[in-house]
C-alpha cells in the first residue's frame, strides 16, 4: 500500500513538559487507524500537529510524499486533511450538508447545494456510510 500521510520524528515540548518525543506515524491508502492513550499522552497534540494547527519543535509532516509546512492549517486543508475534535457539536436545526459546511471556507459564500450534497455523499461512500445530505441532524 502507498503511504499517504507520514509524521516522522515529531517532538513537541510545552515549557519543561515533553508532550511528544520522536513520534512516527505512517498512514497507508485504504487503512484505518486509531490513536489511543492515557490522558496527557500527547494524542491531541499529535493530531493538532498533523492538521497544521500546532508547529512541532522537531520532525516532519508529509502528505503523499510532499512536505506540509509546519503550523499551516490552510495548507493542510488544501491537501485534504482536517481534524474532527473530540468534543465537536453539530447544529440540530441544520442538515447534514449544512453542518458539513461549518468551518469550511465555503461557509458564508454562495455554494451550490447540489455540489455540497454530492461531496457529502461521496465522503460517506468512502467511509462506507449511507448519508442523506438533506437529513436534519438530531
Protein backbone atom coordinates (compact mmCIF):
# COMPACT_ATOMS: atom_id res chain seq x y z
CA UNK A 1 0.00 0.00 0.00
CA UNK A 2 1.12 3.53 -0.74
CA UNK A 3 1.95 5.89 2.11
CA UNK A 4 -0.49 8.81 2.01
CA UNK A 5 0.43 10.56 5.24
CA UNK A 6 3.57 10.46 7.36
CA UNK A 7 4.68 12.01 10.62
CA UNK A 8 8.40 11.45 11.24
CA UNK A 9 10.35 12.06 14.46
CA UNK A 10 7.76 14.50 15.79
CA UNK A 11 8.83 16.22 19.00
CA UNK A 12 6.86 18.84 20.92
CA UNK A 13 7.58 20.41 24.28
CA UNK A 14 5.48 22.79 26.35
CA UNK A 15 7.93 24.51 28.72
CA UNK A 16 9.52 21.62 30.67
CA UNK A 17 6.84 19.10 29.65
CA UNK A 18 7.74 16.79 26.75
CA UNK A 19 4.42 16.06 25.06
CA UNK A 20 5.88 14.10 22.10
CA UNK A 21 9.37 12.67 21.77
CA UNK A 22 10.33 11.41 18.31
CA UNK A 23 6.90 10.04 17.36
CA UNK A 24 6.47 8.34 13.97
CA UNK A 25 3.12 7.60 12.33
CA UNK A 26 2.58 6.30 8.80
CA UNK A 27 -0.87 6.02 7.22
CA UNK A 28 -1.32 3.97 4.08
CA UNK A 29 -4.07 4.14 1.48
CA UNK A 30 -7.08 2.02 2.39
CA UNK A 31 -6.11 1.60 6.04
CA UNK A 32 -7.93 2.67 9.19
CA UNK A 33 -6.10 3.79 12.32
CA UNK A 34 -6.95 4.85 15.85
CA UNK A 35 -4.81 6.89 18.21
CA UNK A 36 -5.21 5.62 21.76
CA UNK A 37 -3.54 6.53 25.03
CA UNK A 38 -3.98 7.82 28.54
CA UNK A 39 -4.89 11.42 29.33
CA UNK A 40 -1.84 13.58 28.74
CA UNK A 41 -0.16 11.04 26.45
CA UNK A 42 0.04 13.53 23.55
CA UNK A 43 -2.76 12.27 21.28
CA UNK A 44 -4.39 15.65 20.78
CA UNK A 45 -1.04 17.39 20.36
CA UNK A 46 -0.06 14.85 17.68
CA UNK A 47 -3.34 15.33 15.81
CA UNK A 48 -3.09 19.13 16.09
CA UNK A 49 0.40 18.93 14.55
CA UNK A 50 -0.93 16.64 11.80
CA UNK A 51 -3.71 19.14 11.00
CA UNK A 52 -1.26 22.04 10.90
CA UNK A 53 -2.73 23.69 13.99
CA UNK A 54 0.47 23.40 16.06
CA UNK A 55 4.13 23.59 14.99
CA UNK A 56 6.31 20.68 16.12
CA UNK A 57 9.66 21.52 17.72
CA UNK A 58 11.23 18.85 15.51
CA UNK A 59 10.16 16.37 12.85
CA UNK A 60 8.39 16.41 9.50
CA UNK A 61 4.86 16.00 8.18
CA UNK A 62 4.33 14.78 4.61
CA UNK A 63 1.21 14.13 2.56
CA UNK A 64 1.72 11.82 -0.41
CA UNK A 65 5.46 12.49 -0.15
CA UNK A 66 5.13 16.29 -0.19
CA UNK A 67 6.24 18.22 2.89
CA UNK A 68 3.46 20.04 4.70
CA UNK A 69 4.59 23.42 6.06
CA UNK A 70 4.63 23.30 9.87
CA UNK A 71 1.78 25.09 11.55
CA UNK A 72 -0.21 25.70 8.37
CA UNK A 73 -3.86 24.64 8.74
CA UNK A 74 -4.74 26.25 5.39
CA UNK A 75 -2.14 24.12 3.59
CA UNK A 76 -3.36 21.02 5.45
CA UNK A 77 -6.94 21.77 4.40
CA UNK A 78 -5.88 22.28 0.76
CA UNK A 79 -4.20 18.86 0.93
CA UNK A 80 -7.48 17.35 2.15
CA UNK A 81 -6.53 16.97 5.80
CA UNK A 82 -8.87 18.10 8.57
CA UNK A 83 -9.37 17.33 12.22
CA UNK A 84 -12.61 16.39 13.93
CA UNK A 85 -12.23 17.50 17.53
CA UNK A 86 -13.20 15.10 20.27
CA UNK A 87 -15.86 17.49 21.62
CA UNK A 88 -17.50 18.63 18.41
CA UNK A 89 -21.06 19.84 18.28
CA UNK A 90 -23.49 19.53 15.42
CA UNK A 91 -26.25 22.08 14.89
CA UNK A 92 -29.52 20.12 15.11
CA UNK A 93 -31.52 22.70 13.14
CA UNK A 94 -29.21 22.31 10.12
CA UNK A 95 -28.98 19.47 7.62
CA UNK A 96 -26.03 17.10 7.35
CA UNK A 97 -24.76 19.10 4.35
CA UNK A 98 -25.12 22.43 6.18
CA UNK A 99 -23.23 21.06 9.21
CA UNK A 100 -20.54 19.86 6.80
CA UNK A 101 -20.05 23.45 5.62
CA UNK A 102 -19.49 24.89 9.11
CA UNK A 103 -15.83 25.75 9.48
CA UNK A 104 -15.06 25.31 5.79
CA UNK A 105 -14.01 28.23 3.62
CA UNK A 106 -17.22 27.89 1.55
CA UNK A 107 -19.32 28.92 4.58
CA UNK A 108 -20.87 32.34 4.04
CA UNK A 109 -20.43 32.16 0.27
CA UNK A 110 -22.93 31.24 -2.38
CA UNK A 111 -22.46 27.50 -2.72
CA UNK A 112 -24.26 25.02 -4.92
CA UNK A 113 -26.42 22.81 -2.68
CA UNK A 114 -26.12 20.10 -5.30
CA UNK A 115 -22.30 20.27 -5.16
CA UNK A 116 -22.24 20.14 -1.35
CA UNK A 117 -24.73 17.24 -1.28
CA UNK A 118 -22.63 15.33 -3.82
CA UNK A 119 -19.48 15.89 -1.73
CA UNK A 120 -21.19 14.71 1.47
CA UNK A 121 -22.49 11.61 -0.34
CA UNK A 122 -19.02 10.95 -1.78
CA UNK A 123 -17.34 11.22 1.62
CA UNK A 124 -19.99 8.99 3.17
CA UNK A 125 -19.40 6.40 0.46
CA UNK A 126 -15.64 6.48 1.03
CA UNK A 127 -16.23 5.57 4.67
CA UNK A 128 -18.98 3.05 3.96
CA UNK A 129 -21.78 5.25 5.30
CA UNK A 130 -25.08 5.84 3.54
CA UNK A 131 -25.55 9.55 4.27
CA UNK A 132 -28.58 11.64 3.35
CA UNK A 133 -27.20 15.19 2.94
CA UNK A 134 -30.71 16.67 3.33
CA UNK A 135 -31.44 14.90 6.63
CA UNK A 136 -31.72 17.00 9.77
CA UNK A 137 -29.18 16.25 12.48
CA UNK A 138 -30.90 15.02 15.64
